[in-house]
Amino acid sequence: MQQQSRQPDLVEGSLPVFVFPTELVFYADEQASHKQVLTLYNPYEFALKFK
């Protein structure tokens, strides 16, 4: 008996994710402030794609 690999169903719409930091601050006269690390945490068992 062969097992078939199954692609996960696509989910359209909005799903909540966890984002850190919760606030981003950019200063117009400090270009270094425009480069900050934003971490998205995916609490789901499937991969998320975003634009």
PDB file of N, CA and C in Angstrom:
ATOM      1  N   MET A   1       0.842  -1.179   0.000  1.00  0.00           N
ATOM      2  CA  MET A   1       0.000   0.000   0.000  1.00  0.00           C
ATOM      3  C   MET A   1       0.888   1.243   0.000  1.00  0.00           C
ATOM      4  N   GLN A   2       0.673   2.125  -0.966  1.00  0.00           N
ATOM      5  CA  GLN A   2       1.454   3.352  -1.060  1.00  0.00           C
ATOM      6  C   GLN A   2       0.703   4.501  -0.410  1.00  0.00           C
ATOM      7  N   GLN A   3       1.452   5.345   0.272  1.00  0.00           N
ATOM      8  CA  GLN A   3       0.843   6.551   0.832  1.00  0.00           C
ATOM      9  C   GLN A   3       1.033   7.686  -0.153  1.00  0.00           C
ATOM     10  N   GLN A   4      -0.002   8.442  -0.356  1.00  0.00           N
ATOM     11  CA  GLN A   4       0.082   9.579  -1.245  1.00  0.00           C
ATOM     12  C   GLN A   4       0.404  10.820  -0.428  1.00  0.00           C
ATOM     13  N   SER A   5       1.351  11.617  -0.945  1.00  0.00           N
ATOM     14  CA  SER A   5       1.622  12.878  -0.261  1.00  0.00           C
ATOM     15  C   SER A   5       0.524  13.861  -0.632  1.00  0.00           C
ATOM     16  N   ARG A   6       0.050  14.578   0.330  1.00  0.00           N
ATOM     17  CA  ARG A   6      -1.082  15.484   0.129  1.00  0.00           C
ATOM     18  C   ARG A   6      -0.635  16.906   0.386  1.00  0.00           C
ATOM     19  N   GLN A   7      -0.951  17.780  -0.536  1.00  0.00           N
ATOM     20  CA  GLN A   7      -0.663  19.195  -0.352  1.00  0.00           C
ATOM     21  C   GLN A   7      -1.666  19.775   0.638  1.00  0.00           C
ATOM     22  N   PRO A   8      -1.221  20.668   1.531  1.00  0.00           N
ATOM     23  CA  PRO A   8      -2.178  21.286   2.450  1.00  0.00           C
ATOM     24  C   PRO A   8      -3.161  22.175   1.695  1.00  0.00           C
ATOM     25  N   ASP A   9      -4.375  22.258   2.195  1.00  0.00           N
ATOM     26  CA  ASP A   9      -5.377  23.123   1.587  1.00  0.00           C
ATOM     27  C   ASP A   9      -4.954  24.579   1.732  1.00  0.00           C
ATOM     28  N   LEU A  10      -5.223  25.366   0.701  1.00  0.00           N
ATOM     29  CA  LEU A  10      -4.914  26.791   0.759  1.00  0.00           C
ATOM     30  C   LEU A  10      -5.988  27.517   1.544  1.00  0.00           C
ATOM     31  N   VAL A  11      -5.554  28.433   2.363  1.00  0.00           N
ATOM     32  CA  VAL A  11      -6.478  29.250   3.145  1.00  0.00           C
ATOM     33  C   VAL A  11      -6.326  30.679   2.666  1.00  0.00           C
ATOM     34  N   GLU A  12      -7.406  31.268   2.207  1.00  0.00           N
ATOM     35  CA  GLU A  12      -7.359  32.657   1.763  1.00  0.00           C
ATOM     36  C   GLU A  12      -7.931  33.549   2.840  1.00  0.00           C
ATOM     37  N   GLY A  13      -7.446  34.772   2.870  1.00  0.00           N
ATOM     38  CA  GLY A  13      -7.947  35.722   3.850  1.00  0.00           C
ATOM     39  C   GLY A  13      -6.883  36.053   4.871  1.00  0.00           C
ATOM     40  N   SER A  14      -7.318  36.583   5.975  1.00  0.00           N
ATOM     41  CA  SER A  14      -6.400  37.027   7.019  1.00  0.00           C
ATOM     42  C   SER A  14      -6.336  36.022   8.155  1.00  0.00           C
ATOM     43  N   LEU A  15      -5.133  35.775   8.622  1.00  0.00           N
ATOM     44  CA  LEU A  15      -4.912  34.928   9.788  1.00  0.00           C
ATOM     45  C   LEU A  15      -4.050  35.710  10.772  1.00  0.00           C
ATOM     46  N   PRO A  16      -4.336  35.622  12.049  1.00  0.00           N
ATOM     47  CA  PRO A  16      -3.492  36.336  13.014  1.00  0.00           C
ATOM     48  C   PRO A  16      -2.144  35.642  13.176  1.00  0.00           C
ATOM     49  N   VAL A  17      -1.090  36.446  13.296  1.00  0.00           N
ATOM     50  CA  VAL A  17       0.251  35.955  13.606  1.00  0.00           C
ATOM     51  C   VAL A  17       0.803  36.821  14.732  1.00  0.00           C
ATOM     52  N   PHE A  18       1.882  36.374  15.322  1.00  0.00           N
ATOM     53  CA  PHE A  18       2.523  37.135  16.385  1.00  0.00           C
ATOM     54  C   PHE A  18       3.710  37.884  15.797  1.00  0.00           C
ATOM     55  N   VAL A  19       3.823  39.168  16.118  1.00  0.00           N
ATOM     56  CA  VAL A  19       4.871  40.019  15.565  1.00  0.00           C
ATOM     57  C   VAL A  19       5.677  40.617  16.708  1.00  0.00           C
ATOM     58  N   PHE A  20       7.008  40.611  16.559  1.00  0.00           N
ATOM     59  CA  PHE A  20       7.877  41.238  17.544  1.00  0.00           C
ATOM     60  C   PHE A  20       8.932  42.042  16.806  1.00  0.00           C
ATOM     61  N   PRO A  21       9.199  43.259  17.185  1.00  0.00           N
ATOM     62  CA  PRO A  21       8.576  44.036  18.248  1.00  0.00           C
ATOM     63  C   PRO A  21       7.179  44.472  17.849  1.00  0.00           C
ATOM     64  N   THR A  22       6.391  44.834  18.822  1.00  0.00           N
ATOM     65  CA  THR A  22       5.009  45.225  18.550  1.00  0.00           C
ATOM     66  C   THR A  22       4.918  46.640  18.003  1.00  0.00           C
ATOM     67  N   GLU A  23       6.012  47.374  18.039  1.00  0.00           N
ATOM     68  CA  GLU A  23       6.012  48.753  17.552  1.00  0.00           C
ATOM     69  C   GLU A  23       7.313  49.012  16.802  1.00  0.00           C
ATOM     70  N   LEU A  24       7.223  49.675  15.649  1.00  0.00           N
ATOM     71  CA  LEU A  24       8.404  50.073  14.886  1.00  0.00           C
ATOM     72  C   LEU A  24       8.463  51.588  14.846  1.00  0.00           C
ATOM     73  N   VAL A  25       9.643  52.135  15.116  1.00  0.00           N
ATOM     74  CA  VAL A  25       9.819  53.587  15.119  1.00  0.00           C
ATOM     75  C   VAL A  25      10.868  53.934  14.067  1.00  0.00           C
ATOM     76  N   PHE A  26      10.506  54.815  13.142  1.00  0.00           N
ATOM     77  CA  PHE A  26      11.421  55.288  12.114  1.00  0.00           C
ATOM     78  C   PHE A  26      11.607  56.785  12.282  1.00  0.00           C
ATOM     79  N   TYR A  27      12.855  57.241  12.188  1.00  0.00           N
ATOM     80  CA  TYR A  27      13.160  58.665  12.260  1.00  0.00           C
ATOM     81  C   TYR A  27      13.605  59.125  10.876  1.00  0.00           C
ATOM     82  N   ALA A  28      12.984  60.190  10.368  1.00  0.00           N
ATOM     83  CA  ALA A  28      13.262  60.659   9.013  1.00  0.00           C
ATOM     84  C   ALA A  28      14.720  61.071   8.830  1.00  0.00           C
ATOM     85  N   ASP A  29      15.341  61.638   9.855  1.00  0.00           N
ATOM     86  CA  ASP A  29      16.715  62.127   9.716  1.00  0.00           C
ATOM     87  C   ASP A  29      17.770  61.089  10.115  1.00  0.00           C
ATOM     88  N   GLU A  30      17.360  59.875  10.479  1.00  0.00           N
ATOM     89  CA  GLU A  30      18.296  58.802  10.831  1.00  0.00           C
ATOM     90  C   GLU A  30      18.021  57.588   9.949  1.00  0.00           C
ATOM     91  N   GLN A  31      18.795  57.466   8.872  1.00  0.00           N
ATOM     92  CA  GLN A  31      18.556  56.349   7.955  1.00  0.00           C
ATOM     93  C   GLN A  31      18.810  55.003   8.608  1.00  0.00           C
ATOM     94  N   ALA A  32      19.653  54.951   9.633  1.00  0.00           N
ATOM     95  CA  ALA A  32      19.915  53.679  10.313  1.00  0.00           C
ATOM     96  C   ALA A  32      18.655  53.151  10.991  1.00  0.00           C
ATOM     97  N   SER A  33      17.729  54.031  11.346  1.00  0.00           N
ATOM     98  CA  SER A  33      16.490  53.584  12.000  1.00  0.00           C
ATOM     99  C   SER A  33      15.553  52.895  11.016  1.00  0.00           C
ATOM    100  N   HIS A  34      15.844  53.005   9.717  1.00  0.00           N
ATOM    101  CA  HIS A  34      14.992  52.379   8.700  1.00  0.00           C
ATOM    102  C   HIS A  34      15.296  50.896   8.544  1.00  0.00           C
ATOM    103  N   LYS A  35      16.337  50.413   9.212  1.00  0.00           N
ATOM    104  CA  LYS A  35      16.718  48.997   9.133  1.00  0.00           C
ATOM    105  C   LYS A  35      16.506  48.371  10.503  1.00  0.00           C
ATOM    106  N   GLN A  36      15.391  47.698  10.653  1.00  0.00           N
ATOM    107  CA  GLN A  36      15.076  47.045  11.914  1.00  0.00           C
ATOM    108  C   GLN A  36      14.635  45.616  11.629  1.00  0.00           C
ATOM    109  N   VAL A  37      14.859  44.751  12.586  1.00  0.00           N
ATOM    110  CA  VAL A  37      14.460  43.353  12.441  1.00  0.00           C
ATOM    111  C   VAL A  37      13.020  43.196  12.901  1.00  0.00           C
ATOM    112  N   LEU A  38      12.216  42.599  12.067  1.00  0.00           N
ATOM    113  CA  LEU A  38      10.822  42.308  12.384  1.00  0.00           C
ATOM    114  C   LEU A  38      10.663  40.794  12.328  1.00  0.00           C
ATOM    115  N   THR A  39      10.223  40.204  13.410  1.00  0.00           N
ATOM    116  CA  THR A  39      10.076  38.755  13.491  1.00  0.00           C
ATOM    117  C   THR A  39       8.605  38.381  13.487  1.00  0.00           C
ATOM    118  N   LEU A  40       8.224  37.492  12.575  1.00  0.00           N
ATOM    119  CA  LEU A  40       6.857  36.983  12.512  1.00  0.00           C
ATOM    120  C   LEU A  40       6.847  35.556  13.041  1.00  0.00           C
ATOM    121  N   TYR A  41       5.986  35.291  13.997  1.00  0.00           N
ATOM    122  CA  TYR A  41       5.846  33.944  14.551  1.00  0.00           C
ATOM    123  C   TYR A  41       4.577  33.315  13.997  1.00  0.00           C
ATOM    124  N   ASN A  42       4.730  32.141  13.420  1.00  0.00           N
ATOM    125  CA  ASN A  42       3.614  31.418  12.826  1.00  0.00           C
ATOM    126  C   ASN A  42       3.144  30.346  13.812  1.00  0.00           C
ATOM    127  N   PRO A  43       1.960  30.512  14.417  1.00  0.00           N
ATOM    128  CA  PRO A  43       1.480  29.531  15.392  1.00  0.00           C
ATOM    129  C   PRO A  43       0.776  28.330  14.754  1.00  0.00           C
ATOM    130  N   TYR A  44       0.784  28.254  13.434  1.00  0.00           N
ATOM    131  CA  TYR A  44       0.031  27.215  12.739  1.00  0.00           C
ATOM    132  C   TYR A  44       0.929  26.064  12.321  1.00  0.00           C
ATOM    133  N   GLU A  45       0.324  24.952  11.966  1.00  0.00           N
ATOM    134  CA  GLU A  45       1.054  23.753  11.548  1.00  0.00           C
ATOM    135  C   GLU A  45       1.366  23.780  10.052  1.00  0.00           C
ATOM    136  N   PHE A  46       1.026  24.874   9.371  1.00  0.00           N
ATOM    137  CA  PHE A  46       1.267  24.973   7.940  1.00  0.00           C
ATOM    138  C   PHE A  46       2.018  26.261   7.638  1.00  0.00           C
ATOM    139  N   ALA A  47       2.680  26.280   6.486  1.00  0.00           N
ATOM    140  CA  ALA A  47       3.466  27.444   6.082  1.00  0.00           C
ATOM    141  C   ALA A  47       2.553  28.590   5.667  1.00  0.00           C
ATOM    142  N   LEU A  48       2.987  29.801   5.974  1.00  0.00           N
ATOM    143  CA  LEU A  48       2.252  30.998   5.574  1.00  0.00           C
ATOM    144  C   LEU A  48       3.053  31.748   4.522  1.00  0.00           C
ATOM    145  N   LYS A  49       2.360  32.334   3.574  1.00  0.00           N
ATOM    146  CA  LYS A  49       2.979  33.213   2.590  1.00  0.00           C
ATOM    147  C   LYS A  49       2.324  34.573   2.736  1.00  0.00           C
ATOM    148  N   PHE A  50       3.121  35.614   2.623  1.00  0.00           N
ATOM    149  CA  PHE A  50       2.562  36.953   2.763  1.00  0.00           C
ATOM    150  C   PHE A  50       3.229  37.889   1.774  1.00  0.00           C
ATOM    151  N   LYS A  51       2.565  38.996   1.527  1.00  0.00           N
ATOM    152  CA  LYS A  51       3.102  40.020   0.622  1.00  0.00           C
ATOM    153  C   LYS A  51       3.412  41.249   1.421  1.00  0.00           C
TER     154      LYS A  51
END
